[in-house]
Amino acid sequence: MHIEVADVGFTLRANRARFDAILLDVDNGHAAFTVGANAGLYDNSGVAAACAALCPGGTLAIWSAWVDTKFEQRLRSHGFAVEAVRVRARLKKAG
């Protein structure tokens, strides 16, 4: 295993067919940016870079606060099979 601390967008664009999985958990999903520079991870060029950085059969997983059918379509247009999975929020225990 190798862990690299670097700009995610640069890393994706610089590494074709290198990753078995890419997990994105930045901001509040693909549309609610707290850091404007992260928008490039979710636009057409960012999705294309993620697709190219994956090994054949690789997985792209993106956390989001809500479902967005337009973004799902963008993923499909780049060849991804899309599955949106709802997960209940975990409440903090008092203590």
Protein backbone atom coordinates (compact mmCIF):
# COMPACT_ATOMS: atom_id res chain seq x y z
CA MET A 1 0.00 0.00 0.00
CA HIS A 2 1.17 3.52 -0.77
CA ILE A 3 -0.26 6.71 0.75
CA GLU A 4 0.46 9.99 -0.97
CA VAL A 5 -0.37 13.43 0.36
CA ALA A 6 -0.96 15.62 -2.68
CA ASP A 7 -3.59 17.48 -4.67
CA VAL A 8 -6.28 14.94 -5.57
CA GLY A 9 -7.02 16.41 -8.99
CA PHE A 10 -3.34 16.44 -9.96
CA THR A 11 -2.87 12.89 -8.68
CA LEU A 12 -5.83 11.60 -10.71
CA ARG A 13 -4.68 13.33 -13.88
CA ALA A 14 -1.08 12.11 -13.49
CA ASN A 15 -1.87 8.42 -12.95
CA ARG A 16 -3.64 6.50 -15.70
CA ALA A 17 -5.01 3.06 -14.76
CA ARG A 18 -3.23 3.10 -11.40
CA PHE A 19 -5.97 2.84 -8.77
CA ASP A 20 -8.32 -0.01 -7.87
CA ALA A 21 -10.52 2.41 -5.91
CA ILE A 22 -10.93 6.15 -5.59
CA LEU A 23 -12.90 7.39 -2.60
CA LEU A 24 -13.90 11.06 -2.58
CA ASP A 25 -15.19 12.58 0.65
CA VAL A 26 -14.53 16.27 0.25
CA ASP A 27 -16.77 19.22 1.08
CA ASN A 28 -20.40 18.17 1.39
CA GLY A 29 -20.54 16.20 -1.83
CA HIS A 30 -20.23 17.16 -5.44
CA ALA A 31 -22.31 20.34 -5.28
CA ALA A 32 -21.89 21.97 -1.85
CA PHE A 33 -18.33 23.21 -1.99
CA THR A 34 -16.64 24.64 1.07
CA VAL A 35 -13.47 24.89 -1.04
CA GLY A 36 -14.20 26.20 -4.54
CA ALA A 37 -11.12 24.53 -6.03
CA ASN A 38 -12.72 21.13 -5.42
CA ALA A 39 -15.30 21.78 -8.16
CA GLY A 40 -12.79 20.42 -10.67
CA LEU A 41 -13.11 16.96 -9.14
CA TYR A 42 -16.76 16.74 -10.12
CA ASP A 43 -17.02 18.48 -13.49
CA ASN A 44 -16.69 16.58 -16.77
CA SER A 45 -12.90 16.77 -16.80
CA GLY A 46 -12.65 15.66 -13.17
CA VAL A 47 -14.95 12.67 -13.71
CA ALA A 48 -13.00 11.77 -16.87
CA ALA A 49 -9.73 11.97 -14.89
CA ALA A 50 -11.11 9.68 -12.19
CA CYS A 51 -12.29 7.22 -14.83
CA ALA A 52 -8.88 7.22 -16.54
CA ALA A 53 -7.05 6.81 -13.20
CA LEU A 54 -8.94 3.63 -12.36
CA CYS A 55 -7.69 0.18 -13.27
CA PRO A 56 -10.17 -1.90 -15.31
CA GLY A 57 -12.97 -2.94 -12.95
CA GLY A 58 -12.01 -0.21 -10.45
CA THR A 59 -14.50 1.62 -8.23
CA LEU A 60 -15.19 5.32 -7.76
CA ALA A 61 -17.12 6.07 -4.55
CA ILE A 62 -18.30 9.60 -3.76
CA TRP A 63 -19.92 10.70 -0.51
CA SER A 64 -22.69 13.24 -0.93
CA ALA A 65 -25.23 14.83 1.37
CA TRP A 66 -28.01 14.17 -1.17
CA VAL A 67 -28.87 12.43 -4.43
CA ASP A 68 -28.35 14.39 -7.67
CA THR A 69 -29.67 12.72 -10.81
CA LYS A 70 -27.80 15.17 -13.10
CA PHE A 71 -24.49 14.23 -11.49
CA GLU A 72 -25.41 10.54 -11.74
CA GLN A 73 -25.97 11.09 -15.46
CA ARG A 74 -22.56 12.75 -15.77
CA LEU A 75 -21.00 9.66 -14.19
CA ARG A 76 -22.91 7.37 -16.57
CA SER A 77 -21.82 9.42 -19.57
CA HIS A 78 -18.21 8.66 -18.59
CA GLY A 79 -18.89 4.93 -18.42
CA PHE A 80 -19.62 4.44 -14.73
CA ALA A 81 -22.37 2.12 -13.48
CA VAL A 82 -24.07 4.27 -10.84
CA GLU A 83 -25.66 3.12 -7.61
CA ALA A 84 -26.84 5.66 -5.04
CA VAL A 85 -26.94 4.18 -1.55
CA ARG A 86 -28.61 5.98 1.34
CA VAL A 87 -26.90 5.61 4.69
CA ARG A 88 -28.40 6.77 7.96
CA ALA A 89 -26.44 9.36 9.85
CA ARG A 90 -24.81 8.11 13.00
CA LEU A 91 -25.66 10.17 16.04
CA LYS A 92 -22.97 10.98 18.55
CA LYS A 93 -23.37 9.27 21.91
CA ALA A 94 -23.59 11.51 24.95
CA GLY A 95 -20.67 11.06 27.19
